[in-house]
Amino acid sequence: SCKDKGVRFIDPRTGQLSASIKKAYDGLKSVKLAYLGETGKFLTTGTSRQREVKIWDLKNLSQPLHTEALDTASGALLPLFDNDTNVLYLCGKGDGIIRPYEFEDKAPYFHKLNDGFRSTMPAKGCCLVPKRGNNIMDCETARILKVTNNEGIHPLSFTVPRKSDAFQDDIFPDCPSSQPAHTADEWKEGSSKLPITSSLNPALAGKTMTSKKTKLRTVATVSAELKEAKERIKYLEGKLTENRIEF
């Protein structure tokens, strides 16, 4: 993102401009970006008349796919996206609130999870800790480091309540490991390998995986599939009754 409120995509291998958005927002606040995993989409945060989050498709930058209006606060929004769980944490400079949203690759795109973290102490900046630094067995799915003006750095933990003490593989898919997938020279020559992943299961500590990333399903998706299945069952039961077949 640039100071003229434009968004430009530069090919790092050639230094050439590959795509751009002339003006993403009308306001004066800085524009922030975050890629949305492997969906081919990204989001921007900025201000027009109010603070907004916009979803864009990399294949068509003429207009956003979705615009989510938030509030009229003045601080710049800082988007932190968790690729493993598809959860977006919206922080803001000068804010004491961190809002979590679940991202789904279809309309309406955003699902608010809860009220998030609330505090009277404003944030100066925020960042996500790599998954390997989380307390996995306590179901800590995210840890955000919040920088304050005078009170140092505050670690904020986000957990999923689970009764079982076992490793929860549905919320902890394999994550990028510390082992590089290719060298700098290979990348410069055009290599585009996916990251080498490793399991977060403490019982498999240190073992790298080559399997594909687990595709997580959202609550909205499962609910829609359940509704469709119930309608299909009702239809089939009607056919059985019509033909006097006991079931």
Protein backbone atom coordinates (compact mmCIF):
# COMPACT_ATOMS: atom_id res chain seq x y z
CA SER A 1 0.00 0.00 0.00
CA CYS A 2 1.20 3.52 -0.79
CA LYS A 3 0.71 6.98 0.68
CA ASP A 4 -1.50 7.99 -2.24
CA LYS A 5 -4.03 5.35 -0.99
CA GLY A 6 -3.26 3.17 -4.00
CA VAL A 7 -2.40 -0.53 -3.85
CA ARG A 8 0.38 -1.82 -6.11
CA PHE A 9 1.59 -5.36 -6.72
CA ILE A 10 5.26 -5.66 -7.61
CA ASP A 11 6.92 -8.80 -8.95
CA PRO A 12 9.84 -9.14 -6.49
CA ARG A 13 11.90 -11.12 -9.01
CA THR A 14 11.76 -8.48 -11.74
CA GLY A 15 10.76 -5.31 -9.87
CA GLN A 16 7.98 -4.71 -12.40
CA LEU A 17 4.46 -3.50 -11.57
CA SER A 18 2.03 -6.36 -12.22
CA ALA A 19 -1.30 -4.92 -11.00
CA SER A 20 -2.68 -1.98 -9.06
CA ILE A 21 -5.74 -0.39 -7.45
CA LYS A 22 -5.74 3.34 -8.14
CA LYS A 23 -7.54 4.39 -4.96
CA ALA A 24 -8.80 1.83 -2.46
CA TYR A 25 -10.23 4.38 0.04
CA ASP A 26 -11.16 8.06 0.15
CA GLY A 27 -9.89 8.75 3.67
CA LEU A 28 -6.49 9.99 4.80
CA LYS A 29 -5.56 7.06 7.04
CA SER A 30 -3.03 4.49 5.87
CA VAL A 31 -4.18 1.38 4.01
CA LYS A 32 -3.14 -2.05 5.31
CA LEU A 33 -3.26 -5.39 3.49
CA ALA A 34 -3.37 -9.10 4.29
CA TYR A 35 -3.44 -12.10 1.96
CA LEU A 36 -6.24 -14.58 2.67
CA GLY A 37 -4.37 -17.86 2.51
CA GLU A 38 -4.55 -19.84 -0.74
CA THR A 39 -7.93 -18.43 -1.84
CA GLY A 40 -6.50 -16.01 -4.39
CA LYS A 41 -8.00 -13.11 -2.47
CA PHE A 42 -6.71 -10.42 -0.14
CA LEU A 43 -8.19 -7.78 2.13
CA THR A 44 -7.50 -4.13 2.70
CA THR A 45 -8.34 -1.93 5.66
CA GLY A 46 -8.76 1.83 5.51
CA THR A 47 -11.21 4.69 5.93
CA SER A 48 -13.71 6.44 3.73
CA ARG A 49 -16.48 7.92 5.84
CA GLN A 50 -15.79 5.18 8.39
CA ARG A 51 -13.34 2.38 8.91
CA GLU A 52 -13.86 -0.43 6.40
CA VAL A 53 -12.55 -3.83 5.43
CA LYS A 54 -12.68 -4.76 1.75
CA ILE A 55 -12.23 -8.16 0.11
CA TRP A 56 -10.59 -8.22 -3.33
CA ASP A 57 -10.05 -10.90 -5.95
CA LEU A 58 -6.53 -10.89 -7.40
CA LYS A 59 -8.01 -11.80 -10.80
CA ASN A 60 -10.22 -8.70 -10.91
CA LEU A 61 -9.19 -5.54 -9.07
CA SER A 62 -11.79 -3.25 -10.69
CA GLN A 63 -14.02 -3.37 -7.60
CA PRO A 64 -14.07 -5.15 -4.21
CA LEU A 65 -16.05 -8.34 -3.74
CA HIS A 66 -17.30 -7.20 -0.34
CA THR A 67 -17.10 -4.16 1.93
CA GLU A 68 -17.54 -4.48 5.68
CA ALA A 69 -18.14 -1.23 7.57
CA LEU A 70 -16.91 -1.23 11.16
CA ASP A 71 -17.03 2.07 13.04
CA THR A 72 -16.05 5.75 12.92
CA ALA A 73 -12.93 5.52 15.09
CA SER A 74 -9.86 7.39 13.83
CA GLY A 75 -7.08 4.82 14.31
CA ALA A 76 -5.66 2.78 11.43
CA LEU A 77 -6.79 -0.86 11.37
CA LEU A 78 -4.16 -3.62 11.58
CA PRO A 79 -5.36 -6.92 10.04
CA LEU A 80 -3.81 -10.17 11.33
CA PHE A 81 -4.91 -13.27 9.39
CA ASP A 82 -4.41 -16.84 10.65
CA ASN A 83 -4.03 -19.04 7.55
CA ASP A 84 -4.54 -22.27 9.51
CA THR A 85 -7.95 -21.44 11.00
CA ASN A 86 -9.08 -18.72 8.54
CA VAL A 87 -9.62 -16.32 11.42
CA LEU A 88 -9.03 -12.59 10.96
CA TYR A 89 -8.05 -10.52 14.00
CA LEU A 90 -8.77 -6.83 13.49
CA CYS A 91 -6.64 -4.63 15.72
CA GLY A 92 -6.36 -0.86 15.57
CA LYS A 93 -3.88 1.81 16.56
CA GLY A 94 -5.27 3.55 19.60
CA ASP A 95 -7.89 0.82 20.10
CA GLY A 96 -8.32 -1.42 23.10
CA ILE A 97 -10.46 -3.90 21.16
CA ILE A 98 -9.40 -6.86 19.02
CA ARG A 99 -12.24 -8.23 16.86
CA PRO A 100 -12.06 -11.84 15.60
CA TYR A 101 -13.85 -12.81 12.37
CA GLU A 102 -14.02 -16.10 10.52
CA PHE A 103 -13.33 -15.79 6.80
CA GLU A 104 -15.19 -17.94 4.26
CA ASP A 105 -14.38 -17.95 0.57
CA LYS A 106 -17.91 -17.01 -0.49
CA ALA A 107 -20.49 -14.37 0.38
CA PRO A 108 -20.96 -12.94 2.97
CA TYR A 109 -17.22 -13.72 3.56
CA PHE A 110 -17.09 -12.56 7.22
CA HIS A 111 -18.66 -14.19 10.28
CA LYS A 112 -18.13 -12.45 13.61
CA LEU A 113 -17.02 -14.98 16.22
CA ASN A 114 -17.51 -13.09 19.49
CA ASP A 115 -16.80 -9.74 21.14
CA GLY A 116 -13.08 -10.54 21.12
CA PHE A 117 -10.63 -8.89 23.47
CA ARG A 118 -11.56 -5.63 25.19
CA SER A 119 -9.30 -3.35 27.19
CA THR A 120 -9.10 0.31 28.18
CA MET A 121 -5.40 0.40 27.26
CA PRO A 122 -4.85 1.52 23.65
CA ALA A 123 -2.56 -0.42 21.34
CA LYS A 124 0.38 1.08 19.46
CA GLY A 125 0.91 -2.03 17.35
CA CYS A 126 0.12 -5.76 17.21
CA CYS A 127 1.55 -8.91 15.67
CA LEU A 128 0.86 -12.66 15.65
CA VAL A 129 3.25 -15.13 17.23
CA PRO A 130 4.12 -18.10 14.94
CA LYS A 131 2.04 -21.20 15.72
CA ARG A 132 5.10 -23.06 16.99
CA GLY A 133 5.21 -20.58 19.88
CA ASN A 134 1.64 -21.27 21.06
CA ASN A 135 0.56 -23.50 23.93
CA ILE A 136 -0.90 -26.24 21.73
CA MET A 137 -2.14 -28.57 24.47
CA ASP A 138 -4.12 -25.69 26.03
CA CYS A 139 -5.82 -25.15 22.64
CA GLU A 140 -4.22 -21.74 22.18
CA THR A 141 -4.97 -21.07 18.51
CA ALA A 142 -3.47 -17.56 18.46
CA ARG A 143 -1.22 -15.36 20.56
CA ILE A 144 -1.07 -11.66 19.77
CA LEU A 145 1.66 -9.38 21.08
CA LYS A 146 0.16 -5.97 21.82
CA VAL A 147 2.56 -3.04 22.03
CA THR A 148 1.42 -0.22 24.33
CA ASN A 149 2.68 3.32 24.75
CA ASN A 150 3.99 3.07 28.31
CA GLU A 151 3.17 -0.42 29.62
CA GLY A 152 5.45 -2.55 27.46
CA ILE A 153 4.31 -5.55 25.42
CA HIS A 154 1.23 -7.54 26.45
CA PRO A 155 0.78 -11.14 25.22
CA LEU A 156 -2.90 -11.87 24.48
CA SER A 157 -3.98 -15.51 24.28
CA PHE A 158 -6.94 -16.76 22.19
CA THR A 159 -8.07 -20.30 23.01
CA VAL A 160 -10.76 -22.74 21.92
CA PRO A 161 -12.50 -24.42 24.90
CA ARG A 162 -12.13 -28.20 24.71
CA LYS A 163 -12.74 -30.80 27.42
CA SER A 164 -10.34 -33.39 26.01
CA ASP A 165 -6.65 -33.31 26.92
CA ALA A 166 -5.71 -34.92 23.59
CA PHE A 167 -4.13 -33.09 20.66
CA GLN A 168 -6.84 -31.30 18.63
CA ASP A 169 -5.88 -31.86 14.99
CA ASP A 170 -9.02 -30.14 13.66
CA ILE A 171 -7.88 -26.73 14.92
CA PHE A 172 -4.14 -27.35 14.56
CA PRO A 173 -3.40 -28.45 10.98
CA ASP A 174 0.19 -28.82 9.85
CA CYS A 175 1.89 -25.43 9.78
CA PRO A 176 5.00 -24.11 7.94
CA SER A 177 8.15 -25.52 9.49
CA SER A 178 11.50 -23.84 10.05
CA GLN A 179 12.99 -25.80 7.14
CA PRO A 180 13.16 -23.82 3.85
CA ALA A 181 11.45 -25.30 0.77
CA HIS A 182 14.07 -23.89 -1.60
CA THR A 183 17.20 -21.74 -1.61
CA ALA A 184 17.31 -18.04 -2.45
CA ASP A 185 18.91 -18.81 -5.82
CA GLU A 186 16.17 -21.35 -6.65
CA TRP A 187 13.50 -18.80 -5.79
CA LYS A 188 15.20 -16.13 -7.91
CA GLU A 189 15.19 -18.53 -10.86
CA GLY A 190 11.41 -18.92 -10.59
CA SER A 191 10.86 -21.70 -8.04
CA SER A 192 7.46 -21.44 -6.32
CA LYS A 193 7.33 -24.46 -4.04
CA LEU A 194 4.85 -24.60 -1.19
CA PRO A 195 6.27 -24.33 2.34
CA ILE A 196 7.43 -27.52 4.04
CA THR A 197 5.00 -28.19 6.87
CA SER A 198 5.37 -29.81 10.27
CA SER A 199 2.90 -31.19 12.77
CA LEU A 200 2.09 -29.20 15.91
CA ASN A 201 1.43 -32.42 17.79
CA PRO A 202 4.05 -32.58 20.60
CA ALA A 203 4.25 -36.37 20.08
CA LEU A 204 5.52 -35.72 16.53
CA ALA A 205 7.80 -32.82 17.40
CA GLY A 206 10.51 -32.22 14.82
CA LYS A 207 8.92 -34.35 12.09
CA THR A 208 8.22 -32.59 8.80
CA MET A 209 5.19 -33.42 6.69
CA THR A 210 4.64 -33.29 2.95
CA SER A 211 0.90 -33.86 2.98
CA LYS A 212 -1.49 -31.19 1.78
CA LYS A 213 -2.88 -28.64 4.17
CA THR A 214 -6.12 -29.64 5.90
CA LYS A 215 -9.11 -27.77 4.51
CA LEU A 216 -11.14 -26.40 7.38
CA ARG A 217 -14.91 -26.05 7.12
CA THR A 218 -16.81 -23.14 8.60
CA VAL A 219 -19.97 -23.23 10.71
CA ALA A 220 -21.95 -21.64 7.89
CA THR A 221 -20.79 -24.29 5.39
CA VAL A 222 -21.62 -27.21 7.69
CA SER A 223 -25.04 -25.69 8.50
CA ALA A 224 -25.86 -25.32 4.80
CA GLU A 225 -24.81 -28.92 4.09
CA LEU A 226 -26.91 -30.16 7.01
CA LYS A 227 -29.97 -28.27 5.74
CA GLU A 228 -29.49 -29.75 2.27
CA ALA A 229 -29.14 -33.27 3.71
CA LYS A 230 -32.35 -32.90 5.76
CA GLU A 231 -34.27 -31.77 2.68
CA ARG A 232 -32.94 -34.77 0.74
CA ILE A 233 -33.94 -37.16 3.54
CA LYS A 234 -37.44 -35.67 3.64
CA TYR A 235 -37.75 -36.11 -0.13
CA LEU A 236 -36.60 -39.75 -0.01
CA GLU A 237 -38.91 -40.57 2.91
CA GLY A 238 -41.79 -39.13 0.90
CA LYS A 239 -40.92 -41.38 -2.04
CA LEU A 240 -40.81 -44.44 0.22
CA THR A 241 -44.18 -43.58 1.74
CA GLU A 242 -45.66 -42.97 -1.72
CA ASN A 243 -44.59 -46.45 -2.83
CA ARG A 244 -45.73 -48.04 0.48
CA ILE A 245 -42.24 -49.10 1.43
CA GLU A 246 -41.61 -49.41 5.15
CA PHE A 247 -38.49 -47.79 6.61
